[in-house]
Structures are given as C-alpha cells and as structure tokens.
Protein backbone atom coordinates (compact mmCIF):
# COMPACT_ATOMS: atom_id res chain seq x y z
CA MET A 1 58.05 -105.15 43.00
CA GLY A 2 56.65 -104.41 39.52
CA THR A 3 58.37 -103.52 36.30
CA GLY A 4 56.29 -100.41 35.72
CA PHE A 5 54.54 -101.98 32.76
CA GLU A 6 51.59 -103.42 34.61
CA SER A 7 48.20 -102.62 33.13
CA ASP A 8 44.58 -102.98 34.11
CA VAL A 9 43.94 -104.61 30.73
CA PRO A 10 43.98 -108.40 30.90
CA LYS A 11 46.66 -110.07 28.82
CA SER A 12 43.98 -111.96 26.89
CA GLN A 13 42.71 -108.61 25.51
CA LEU A 14 46.14 -107.09 25.02
CA LEU A 15 47.31 -109.45 22.27
CA PRO A 16 44.36 -108.77 19.91
CA ALA A 17 44.82 -105.03 20.48
CA ILE A 18 48.49 -105.30 19.53
CA LYS A 19 47.60 -107.28 16.40
CA VAL A 20 45.10 -104.58 15.37
CA TYR A 21 47.70 -101.88 16.00
CA ILE A 22 50.29 -103.71 13.90
CA GLY A 23 47.71 -104.21 11.15
CA LEU A 24 46.93 -100.50 11.14
CA MET A 25 50.63 -99.67 10.99
CA ASN A 26 51.00 -101.97 7.96
CA ILE A 27 48.06 -100.29 6.24
CA LEU A 28 49.49 -96.85 6.97
CA TYR A 29 52.92 -97.89 5.64
CA PHE A 30 51.53 -99.17 2.34
CA LEU A 31 49.18 -96.19 2.00
CA CYS A 32 52.12 -93.82 2.37
CA ARG A 33 54.12 -95.80 -0.20
CA ARG A 34 51.25 -95.67 -2.70
CA LEU A 35 50.73 -91.96 -2.16
CA HIS A 36 54.43 -91.38 -2.75
CA LEU A 37 54.20 -93.40 -5.97
CA VAL A 38 51.22 -91.33 -7.15
CA SER A 39 53.09 -88.13 -6.33
CA GLN A 40 56.12 -89.27 -8.33
CA LEU A 41 53.91 -90.29 -11.24
CA TYR A 42 52.20 -86.89 -11.24
CA ASP A 43 55.53 -85.05 -11.12
CA GLU A 44 56.98 -87.07 -14.00
CA SER A 45 53.87 -86.92 -16.17
CA THR A 46 53.43 -83.14 -15.83
CA LYS A 47 57.12 -82.29 -16.35
CA PRO A 48 56.82 -81.58 -20.12
CA PHE A 49 53.88 -79.25 -19.53
CA ARG A 50 55.61 -77.38 -16.72
CA GLU A 51 58.72 -77.01 -18.90
CA ALA A 52 56.61 -75.64 -21.77
CA VAL A 53 55.03 -73.03 -19.48
CA GLN A 54 58.47 -72.01 -18.19
CA LYS A 55 59.81 -71.64 -21.74
CA ILE A 56 56.78 -69.58 -22.78
CA GLU A 57 57.18 -67.27 -19.78
CA ALA A 58 60.93 -66.88 -20.39
CA GLY A 59 60.56 -66.48 -24.16
CA GLU A 60 62.91 -69.36 -24.86
CA PRO A 61 62.90 -71.26 -28.17
CA PRO A 62 60.60 -72.42 -29.64
CA TYR A 63 58.43 -69.83 -27.87
CA VAL A 64 60.15 -66.65 -29.08
CA ASP A 65 57.78 -63.78 -29.82
CA ASN A 66 58.82 -62.47 -33.24
CA ARG A 67 55.80 -60.23 -33.69
CA ASN A 68 56.36 -56.60 -34.60
CA PRO A 69 54.28 -54.41 -32.24
CA GLU A 70 53.91 -51.75 -34.92
CA ASP A 71 52.55 -54.08 -37.62
CA ASP A 72 51.02 -57.06 -35.78
CA ASP A 73 48.17 -57.35 -33.30
CA VAL A 74 49.79 -57.80 -29.89
CA SER A 75 46.66 -57.32 -27.79
CA GLU A 76 47.07 -60.77 -26.24
CA PRO A 77 50.27 -62.49 -25.08
CA ALA A 78 52.17 -64.60 -27.55
CA PHE A 79 51.55 -68.33 -27.27
CA LEU A 80 48.54 -67.82 -25.02
CA GLU A 81 46.71 -70.89 -26.33
CA GLU A 82 49.77 -73.10 -25.86
CA ALA A 83 50.25 -71.85 -22.31
CA LEU A 84 46.59 -72.41 -21.43
CA ARG A 85 46.67 -75.95 -22.85
CA ALA A 86 49.80 -76.75 -20.86
CA LEU A 87 48.32 -75.30 -17.65
CA GLU A 88 45.10 -77.28 -18.14
CA SER A 89 47.17 -80.43 -18.52
CA ILE A 90 48.86 -79.83 -15.20
C-alpha cells in the first residue's frame, strides 16, 4: 500500500529539481525585498515634492495667491512653475 506520494520521476532526478525550486524561491524572496526597498526609497524621496504640490493646490503657506485679479495678470495659475518642477521631480 502506497502513501499517495509516489511519482514516476526517479528519486535521483527529484533532488536536483527540489534544489532548483528552492533556489528560485530564494531569488524571488530577495527580489521582492529589493523591490520593496526601492518602493520605500521612492516614497520617501518624493515626499517633499508631493507635499509642495498639495500645498500649492490647497493654497496653503507659503503658496498663498496674493495677486489682485483687477490689477495683476492672473491668466495662468499662481505658482505654476513651482508646481511643474515638483511634478517633474516625482
């Protein structure tokens, strides 16, 4: 009576296949760890630029639009250049 784990693959070929599988799992594990590290690095390094864009959109200091629409040219949004630079940095 068998255990249900019998295979047509000889045991001499099974061990190398298991070693390859374990090696691939190790590679996948370290690849995922490195990708997570890169993702964290990107999030942390772009945080100041994302915060600047949010402040510009919300009109928070130091990005308060003090222009007078009657006297000043308001044909383009205030702080457009700063916003574009921040978005390019992201």
